[in-house]
Amino acid sequence: MGSAKNSSAARKARIEEMRRAERARERRTRVLTVAASVVVVAGLVVGGVVLVNSGSDNNRKNSASDSKSSTNSGDSGHWTTGKDGVRTWSGKLARTHVQTKVSYPMHPPVGGNHNPIWATCDGTVYTKPLQDENAVHSMEHGAVWVTYTGEAKKADIAALAAKVKQTPFSLMSPYENQAAPLILSAWGHQVAVKSADDPEVNRFFAAYVQGPQTPEPGAPCTNGAM
């Protein structure tokens, strides 16, 4: 018991330290963003009008093309399933930032190329589906993503939502295109659970919220896409 309490206290302390570092990083980012904006505006005043007018037709065509295009996830590998039912992706999970839709080999995805903006994952519960590309970025930051279909029981959805709200670096959203009513995902790892009371829920959160699989430990989960 003493060891479990110490481990829990250490995890909470580590998350709090990461939050402090995140707030400091956000303050620095705001300062840099303001400075960069001033430079950009000055550049637009000098010569941007000519460039916009001359290239407007091409920009519209390129924008339309980009919105319809799709990017391969860059993933290669296969699932291996442990005795606890947790599936681990054995192989490469790409991490390139892309602006287009991504074709993932698994649903929900557990890694791969993704949008430059993460989905806010500070214990955030969404009532509408997320873009895969934003949620994948959240998992790159160490978040656990809880997803459910219309077949999930309302009591289980409510209980899991309550757990997510109490857990920094986690998020939850509906997701119809998955093989089970309730699925928990982290970068490179995924498990289907029978209910909110399934012991694997707590084990998965304990193992993978800011766990060793995290490609970018300490990266923020706040101020992302909503």
C-alpha atoms as a PDB file:
ATOM      1  CA  MET A   1       0.000   0.000   0.000  1.00  0.00           C
ATOM      2  CA  GLY A   2       2.798   2.392   0.909  1.00  0.00           C
ATOM      3  CA  SER A   3       4.458   1.814  -2.430  1.00  0.00           C
ATOM      4  CA  ALA A   4       1.209   2.425  -4.325  1.00  0.00           C
ATOM      5  CA  LYS A   5       0.575   5.682  -2.425  1.00  0.00           C
ATOM      6  CA  ASN A   6       4.125   6.859  -3.078  1.00  0.00           C
ATOM      7  CA  SER A   7       3.747   6.009  -6.773  1.00  0.00           C
ATOM      8  CA  SER A   8       0.462   7.908  -6.965  1.00  0.00           C
ATOM      9  CA  ALA A   9       1.931  10.909  -5.158  1.00  0.00           C
ATOM     10  CA  ALA A  10       4.962  10.884  -7.431  1.00  0.00           C
ATOM     11  CA  ARG A  11       2.725  10.769 -10.543  1.00  0.00           C
ATOM     12  CA  LYS A  12       0.619  13.685  -9.287  1.00  0.00           C
ATOM     13  CA  ALA A  13       3.761  15.665  -8.476  1.00  0.00           C
ATOM     14  CA  ARG A  14       5.166  14.955 -11.943  1.00  0.00           C
ATOM     15  CA  ILE A  15       1.948  16.062 -13.650  1.00  0.00           C
ATOM     16  CA  GLU A  16       1.824  19.247 -11.557  1.00  0.00           C
ATOM     17  CA  GLU A  17       5.452  20.006 -12.437  1.00  0.00           C
ATOM     18  CA  MET A  18       4.615  19.492 -16.128  1.00  0.00           C
ATOM     19  CA  ARG A  19       1.655  21.843 -15.808  1.00  0.00           C
ATOM     20  CA  ARG A  20       3.848  24.560 -14.321  1.00  0.00           C
ATOM     21  CA  ALA A  21       6.348  24.105 -17.135  1.00  0.00           C
ATOM     22  CA  GLU A  22       3.478  24.190 -19.630  1.00  0.00           C
ATOM     23  CA  ARG A  23       2.169  27.497 -18.273  1.00  0.00           C
ATOM     24  CA  ALA A  24       5.648  29.010 -18.511  1.00  0.00           C
ATOM     25  CA  ARG A  25       5.987  27.703 -22.057  1.00  0.00           C
ATOM     26  CA  GLU A  26       2.633  29.227 -23.003  1.00  0.00           C
ATOM     27  CA  ARG A  27       3.682  32.640 -21.658  1.00  0.00           C
ATOM     28  CA  ARG A  28       6.857  32.502 -23.749  1.00  0.00           C
ATOM     29  CA  THR A  29       4.849  31.397 -26.783  1.00  0.00           C
ATOM     30  CA  ARG A  30       2.451  34.343 -26.451  1.00  0.00           C
ATOM     31  CA  VAL A  31       5.354  36.789 -26.371  1.00  0.00           C
ATOM     32  CA  LEU A  32       6.959  35.206 -29.423  1.00  0.00           C
ATOM     33  CA  THR A  33       3.614  35.100 -31.248  1.00  0.00           C
ATOM     34  CA  VAL A  34       3.051  38.838 -30.740  1.00  0.00           C
ATOM     35  CA  ALA A  35       6.549  39.623 -31.987  1.00  0.00           C
ATOM     36  CA  ALA A  36       6.147  37.380 -35.005  1.00  0.00           C
ATOM     37  CA  SER A  37       2.776  38.933 -35.817  1.00  0.00           C
ATOM     38  CA  VAL A  38       4.310  42.415 -35.932  1.00  0.00           C
ATOM     39  CA  VAL A  39       6.934  41.225 -38.406  1.00  0.00           C
ATOM     40  CA  VAL A  40       4.357  39.482 -40.580  1.00  0.00           C
ATOM     41  CA  VAL A  41       2.062  42.510 -40.691  1.00  0.00           C
ATOM     42  CA  ALA A  42       4.952  44.759 -41.682  1.00  0.00           C
ATOM     43  CA  GLY A  43       5.869  42.374 -44.491  1.00  0.00           C
ATOM     44  CA  LEU A  44       2.311  42.301 -45.766  1.00  0.00           C
ATOM     45  CA  VAL A  45       2.125  46.095 -45.856  1.00  0.00           C
ATOM     46  CA  VAL A  46       5.301  46.322 -47.930  1.00  0.00           C
ATOM     47  CA  GLY A  47       4.675  43.718 -50.551  1.00  0.00           C
ATOM     48  CA  GLY A  48       1.880  41.344 -49.685  1.00  0.00           C
ATOM     49  CA  VAL A  49      -0.875  43.018 -51.673  1.00  0.00           C
ATOM     50  CA  VAL A  50       0.911  42.461 -54.976  1.00  0.00           C
ATOM     51  CA  LEU A  51       1.603  38.811 -54.172  1.00  0.00           C
ATOM     52  CA  VAL A  52      -1.973  38.108 -53.113  1.00  0.00           C
ATOM     53  CA  ASN A  53      -3.455  39.645 -56.234  1.00  0.00           C
ATOM     54  CA  SER A  54      -1.100  37.877 -58.608  1.00  0.00           C
ATOM     55  CA  GLY A  55      -1.560  34.470 -57.051  1.00  0.00           C
ATOM     56  CA  SER A  56      -5.181  34.490 -55.931  1.00  0.00           C
ATOM     57  CA  ASP A  57      -6.457  32.145 -58.653  1.00  0.00           C
ATOM     58  CA  ASN A  58      -3.730  29.577 -57.997  1.00  0.00           C
ATOM     59  CA  ASN A  59      -4.253  29.778 -54.243  1.00  0.00           C
ATOM     60  CA  ARG A  60      -7.948  29.018 -54.599  1.00  0.00           C
ATOM     61  CA  LYS A  61      -7.194  26.005 -56.770  1.00  0.00           C
ATOM     62  CA  ASN A  62      -4.497  24.718 -54.407  1.00  0.00           C
ATOM     63  CA  SER A  63      -6.723  25.213 -51.379  1.00  0.00           C
ATOM     64  CA  ALA A  64      -9.531  23.221 -52.953  1.00  0.00           C
ATOM     65  CA  SER A  65      -7.121  20.452 -53.876  1.00  0.00           C
ATOM     66  CA  ASP A  66      -5.604  20.322 -50.371  1.00  0.00           C
ATOM     67  CA  SER A  67      -8.993  20.097 -48.679  1.00  0.00           C
ATOM     68  CA  LYS A  68      -9.829  16.951 -50.629  1.00  0.00           C
ATOM     69  CA  SER A  69      -6.445  15.234 -50.499  1.00  0.00           C
ATOM     70  CA  SER A  70      -5.420  12.541 -48.041  1.00  0.00           C
ATOM     71  CA  THR A  71      -2.066  11.610 -46.564  1.00  0.00           C
ATOM     72  CA  ASN A  72      -0.868   8.148 -45.717  1.00  0.00           C
ATOM     73  CA  SER A  73      -0.254   7.730 -42.002  1.00  0.00           C
ATOM     74  CA  GLY A  74       3.321   6.608 -42.592  1.00  0.00           C
ATOM     75  CA  ASP A  75       2.752   3.669 -40.248  1.00  0.00           C
ATOM     76  CA  SER A  76       4.026   0.155 -40.834  1.00  0.00           C
ATOM     77  CA  GLY A  77       3.697  -2.815 -38.523  1.00  0.00           C
ATOM     78  CA  HIS A  78       1.064  -4.969 -36.862  1.00  0.00           C
ATOM     79  CA  TRP A  79      -0.723  -5.554 -33.571  1.00  0.00           C
ATOM     80  CA  THR A  80       0.542  -7.846 -30.830  1.00  0.00           C
ATOM     81  CA  THR A  81      -1.837  -8.608 -27.968  1.00  0.00           C
ATOM     82  CA  GLY A  82      -0.693  -9.106 -24.385  1.00  0.00           C
ATOM     83  CA  LYS A  83      -2.251 -11.375 -21.757  1.00  0.00           C
ATOM     84  CA  ASP A  84      -4.047  -8.351 -20.311  1.00  0.00           C
ATOM     85  CA  GLY A  85      -5.749  -7.716 -23.649  1.00  0.00           C
ATOM     86  CA  VAL A  86      -3.745  -4.576 -24.417  1.00  0.00           C
ATOM     87  CA  ARG A  87      -2.754  -4.406 -28.067  1.00  0.00           C
ATOM     88  CA  THR A  88       0.636  -2.893 -28.900  1.00  0.00           C
ATOM     89  CA  TRP A  89       1.565  -1.648 -32.366  1.00  0.00           C
ATOM     90  CA  SER A  90       4.801  -3.371 -33.325  1.00  0.00           C
ATOM     91  CA  GLY A  91       6.447  -1.279 -35.989  1.00  0.00           C
ATOM     92  CA  LYS A  92       6.860   2.301 -37.092  1.00  0.00           C
ATOM     93  CA  LEU A  93       4.522   5.135 -36.111  1.00  0.00           C
ATOM     94  CA  ALA A  94       5.346   8.248 -38.132  1.00  0.00           C
ATOM     95  CA  ARG A  95       5.187  11.687 -36.505  1.00  0.00           C
ATOM     96  CA  THR A  96       5.125  14.215 -39.350  1.00  0.00           C
ATOM     97  CA  HIS A  97       2.809  17.240 -39.098  1.00  0.00           C
ATOM     98  CA  VAL A  98       0.388  17.389 -42.044  1.00  0.00           C
ATOM     99  CA  GLN A  99      -2.540  19.640 -42.968  1.00  0.00           C
ATOM    100  CA  THR A 100      -4.542  16.998 -44.844  1.00  0.00           C
ATOM    101  CA  LYS A 101      -6.681  14.057 -43.756  1.00  0.00           C
ATOM    102  CA  VAL A 102      -4.681  10.965 -42.828  1.00  0.00           C
ATOM    103  CA  SER A 103      -5.498   7.382 -43.771  1.00  0.00           C
ATOM    104  CA  TYR A 104      -4.747   5.343 -40.629  1.00  0.00           C
ATOM    105  CA  PRO A 105      -4.419   1.527 -40.564  1.00  0.00           C
ATOM    106  CA  MET A 106      -6.337   1.263 -37.264  1.00  0.00           C
ATOM    107  CA  HIS A 107      -9.446   2.851 -35.741  1.00  0.00           C
ATOM    108  CA  PRO A 108      -9.182   4.696 -33.500  1.00  0.00           C
ATOM    109  CA  PRO A 109      -5.598   5.431 -34.541  1.00  0.00           C
ATOM    110  CA  VAL A 110      -2.791   5.138 -31.985  1.00  0.00           C
ATOM    111  CA  GLY A 111      -0.138   7.134 -33.824  1.00  0.00           C
ATOM    112  CA  GLY A 112       1.111   8.292 -37.182  1.00  0.00           C
ATOM    113  CA  ASN A 113       1.259  11.537 -39.102  1.00  0.00           C
ATOM    114  CA  HIS A 114      -1.065  14.111 -37.566  1.00  0.00           C
ATOM    115  CA  ASN A 115      -2.306  17.687 -37.524  1.00  0.00           C
ATOM    116  CA  PRO A 116       0.047  20.341 -36.102  1.00  0.00           C
ATOM    117  CA  ILE A 117      -2.623  21.263 -33.511  1.00  0.00           C
ATOM    118  CA  TRP A 118      -3.481  18.783 -30.782  1.00  0.00           C
ATOM    119  CA  ALA A 119      -6.977  18.312 -29.367  1.00  0.00           C
ATOM    120  CA  THR A 120      -7.255  19.869 -25.915  1.00  0.00           C
ATOM    121  CA  CYS A 121      -6.723  16.923 -23.584  1.00  0.00           C
ATOM    122  CA  ASP A 122      -6.669  18.365 -20.077  1.00  0.00           C
ATOM    123  CA  GLY A 123      -9.354  15.999 -18.796  1.00  0.00           C
ATOM    124  CA  THR A 124     -11.567  17.084 -21.682  1.00  0.00           C
ATOM    125  CA  VAL A 125     -14.855  15.316 -22.531  1.00  0.00           C
ATOM    126  CA  TYR A 126     -16.236  15.926 -26.026  1.00  0.00           C
ATOM    127  CA  THR A 127     -19.829  15.176 -26.996  1.00  0.00           C
ATOM    128  CA  LYS A 128     -19.082  15.190 -30.727  1.00  0.00           C
ATOM    129  CA  PRO A 129     -16.486  13.195 -32.723  1.00  0.00           C
ATOM    130  CA  LEU A 130     -12.968  14.586 -32.989  1.00  0.00           C
ATOM    131  CA  GLN A 131     -10.711  14.744 -35.992  1.00  0.00           C
ATOM    132  CA  ASP A 132      -8.379  11.733 -35.779  1.00  0.00           C
ATOM    133  CA  GLU A 133      -5.435  13.911 -36.729  1.00  0.00           C
ATOM    134  CA  ASN A 134      -5.875  16.206 -33.711  1.00  0.00           C
ATOM    135  CA  ALA A 135      -6.427  13.358 -31.251  1.00  0.00           C
ATOM    136  CA  VAL A 136      -3.307  11.551 -32.463  1.00  0.00           C
ATOM    137  CA  HIS A 137      -1.298  14.677 -31.666  1.00  0.00           C
ATOM    138  CA  SER A 138      -2.768  14.624 -28.138  1.00  0.00           C
ATOM    139  CA  MET A 139      -1.561  11.046 -27.658  1.00  0.00           C
ATOM    140  CA  GLU A 140       1.882  12.131 -28.855  1.00  0.00           C
ATOM    141  CA  HIS A 141       1.844  14.427 -25.795  1.00  0.00           C
ATOM    142  CA  GLY A 142       1.046  11.497 -23.492  1.00  0.00           C
ATOM    143  CA  ALA A 143      -2.752  11.594 -23.382  1.00  0.00           C
ATOM    144  CA  VAL A 144      -5.093   8.612 -23.052  1.00  0.00           C
ATOM    145  CA  TRP A 145      -8.042   8.827 -25.453  1.00  0.00           C
ATOM    146  CA  VAL A 146     -11.331   7.184 -24.407  1.00  0.00           C
ATOM    147  CA  THR A 147     -13.765   6.487 -27.260  1.00  0.00           C
ATOM    148  CA  TYR A 148     -17.225   4.943 -27.372  1.00  0.00           C
ATOM    149  CA  THR A 149     -19.930   3.969 -29.854  1.00  0.00           C
ATOM    150  CA  GLY A 150     -23.707   4.262 -29.716  1.00  0.00           C
ATOM    151  CA  GLU A 151     -23.797   0.713 -28.324  1.00  0.00           C
ATOM    152  CA  ALA A 152     -22.038   1.740 -25.097  1.00  0.00           C
ATOM    153  CA  LYS A 153     -24.213   1.933 -21.988  1.00  0.00           C
ATOM    154  CA  LYS A 154     -25.035   5.435 -20.766  1.00  0.00           C
ATOM    155  CA  ALA A 155     -23.882   4.525 -17.247  1.00  0.00           C
ATOM    156  CA  ASP A 156     -20.468   3.470 -18.570  1.00  0.00           C
ATOM    157  CA  ILE A 157     -20.143   6.640 -20.662  1.00  0.00           C
ATOM    158  CA  ALA A 158     -20.981   8.795 -17.630  1.00  0.00           C
ATOM    159  CA  ALA A 159     -18.550   6.938 -15.347  1.00  0.00           C
ATOM    160  CA  LEU A 160     -15.691   7.134 -17.854  1.00  0.00           C
ATOM    161  CA  ALA A 161     -16.427  10.823 -18.484  1.00  0.00           C
ATOM    162  CA  ALA A 162     -16.147  11.478 -14.742  1.00  0.00           C
ATOM    163  CA  LYS A 163     -12.783   9.702 -14.643  1.00  0.00           C
ATOM    164  CA  VAL A 164     -11.471  11.654 -17.631  1.00  0.00           C
ATOM    165  CA  LYS A 165     -12.543  14.978 -16.095  1.00  0.00           C
ATOM    166  CA  GLN A 166     -10.425  14.148 -13.036  1.00  0.00           C
ATOM    167  CA  THR A 167      -7.373  13.122 -15.095  1.00  0.00           C
ATOM    168  CA  PRO A 168      -5.022  15.631 -16.740  1.00  0.00           C
ATOM    169  CA  PHE A 169      -3.637  14.381 -20.066  1.00  0.00           C
ATOM    170  CA  SER A 170      -6.796  12.513 -21.045  1.00  0.00           C
ATOM    171  CA  LEU A 171      -9.731  13.106 -23.375  1.00  0.00           C
ATOM    172  CA  MET A 172     -12.933  11.366 -24.414  1.00  0.00           C
ATOM    173  CA  SER A 173     -15.177  11.465 -27.486  1.00  0.00           C
ATOM    174  CA  PRO A 174     -17.714   9.389 -29.446  1.00  0.00           C
ATOM    175  CA  TYR A 175     -16.241   7.245 -32.224  1.00  0.00           C
ATOM    176  CA  GLU A 176     -18.496   4.986 -34.280  1.00  0.00           C
ATOM    177  CA  ASN A 177     -15.869   3.375 -36.517  1.00  0.00           C
ATOM    178  CA  GLN A 178     -14.355   1.050 -33.917  1.00  0.00           C
ATOM    179  CA  ALA A 179     -14.633  -2.664 -33.176  1.00  0.00           C
ATOM    180  CA  ALA A 180     -15.933  -2.443 -29.569  1.00  0.00           C
ATOM    181  CA  PRO A 181     -18.303  -0.124 -27.670  1.00  0.00           C
ATOM    182  CA  LEU A 182     -15.567   1.109 -25.289  1.00  0.00           C
ATOM    183  CA  ILE A 183     -11.908   1.539 -26.269  1.00  0.00           C
ATOM    184  CA  LEU A 184      -8.956   3.204 -24.537  1.00  0.00           C
ATOM    185  CA  SER A 185      -6.013   4.336 -26.658  1.00  0.00           C
ATOM    186  CA  ALA A 186      -2.544   5.759 -26.048  1.00  0.00           C
ATOM    187  CA  TRP A 187       0.395   6.253 -28.398  1.00  0.00           C
ATOM    188  CA  GLY A 188       1.103   2.764 -29.757  1.00  0.00           C
ATOM    189  CA  HIS A 189      -1.315   1.010 -27.370  1.00  0.00           C
ATOM    190  CA  GLN A 190      -5.018   0.195 -27.282  1.00  0.00           C
ATOM    191  CA  VAL A 191      -7.477  -1.930 -25.289  1.00  0.00           C
ATOM    192  CA  ALA A 192     -11.197  -2.668 -25.445  1.00  0.00           C
ATOM    193  CA  VAL A 193     -12.893  -2.754 -22.036  1.00  0.00           C
ATOM    194  CA  LYS A 194     -16.187  -4.397 -21.074  1.00  0.00           C
ATOM    195  CA  SER A 195     -17.422  -1.573 -18.863  1.00  0.00           C
ATOM    196  CA  ALA A 196     -16.326   1.428 -16.830  1.00  0.00           C
ATOM    197  CA  ASP A 197     -15.792  -0.979 -13.912  1.00  0.00           C
ATOM    198  CA  ASP A 198     -13.389  -3.160 -15.891  1.00  0.00           C
ATOM    199  CA  PRO A 199     -10.110  -3.300 -13.864  1.00  0.00           C
ATOM    200  CA  GLU A 200      -8.215  -2.656 -17.081  1.00  0.00           C
ATOM    201  CA  VAL A 201      -9.510   0.940 -17.125  1.00  0.00           C
ATOM    202  CA  ASN A 202      -7.504   1.948 -14.050  1.00  0.00           C
ATOM    203  CA  ARG A 203      -4.494  -0.129 -15.139  1.00  0.00           C
ATOM    204  CA  PHE A 204      -4.445   1.491 -18.576  1.00  0.00           C
ATOM    205  CA  PHE A 205      -4.683   5.014 -17.175  1.00  0.00           C
ATOM    206  CA  ALA A 206      -1.965   4.294 -14.618  1.00  0.00           C
ATOM    207  CA  ALA A 207       0.359   2.853 -17.254  1.00  0.00           C
ATOM    208  CA  TYR A 208      -0.141   5.257 -20.164  1.00  0.00           C
ATOM    209  CA  VAL A 209      -1.172   8.721 -18.921  1.00  0.00           C
ATOM    210  CA  GLN A 210       2.174  10.449 -19.485  1.00  0.00           C
ATOM    211  CA  GLY A 211       3.641   6.938 -19.568  1.00  0.00           C
ATOM    212  CA  PRO A 212       6.982   5.794 -20.989  1.00  0.00           C
ATOM    213  CA  GLN A 213       5.437   5.406 -24.467  1.00  0.00           C
ATOM    214  CA  THR A 214       4.976   9.210 -24.718  1.00  0.00           C
ATOM    215  CA  PRO A 215       7.002  10.600 -27.678  1.00  0.00           C
ATOM    216  CA  GLU A 216       6.873  14.185 -26.319  1.00  0.00           C
ATOM    217  CA  PRO A 217       6.694  14.059 -22.501  1.00  0.00           C
ATOM    218  CA  GLY A 218       5.913  17.407 -20.932  1.00  0.00           C
ATOM    219  CA  ALA A 219       4.318  18.841 -24.096  1.00  0.00           C
ATOM    220  CA  PRO A 220       1.055  20.728 -23.390  1.00  0.00           C
ATOM    221  CA  CYS A 221      -2.490  19.361 -23.466  1.00  0.00           C
ATOM    222  CA  THR A 222      -4.242  22.731 -23.023  1.00  0.00           C
ATOM    223  CA  ASN A 223      -5.079  25.416 -25.607  1.00  0.00           C
ATOM    224  CA  GLY A 224      -5.429  22.983 -28.498  1.00  0.00           C
ATOM    225  CA  ALA A 225      -8.255  22.374 -30.972  1.00  0.00           C
ATOM    226  CA  MET A 226     -11.700  21.998 -29.408  1.00  0.00           C
END
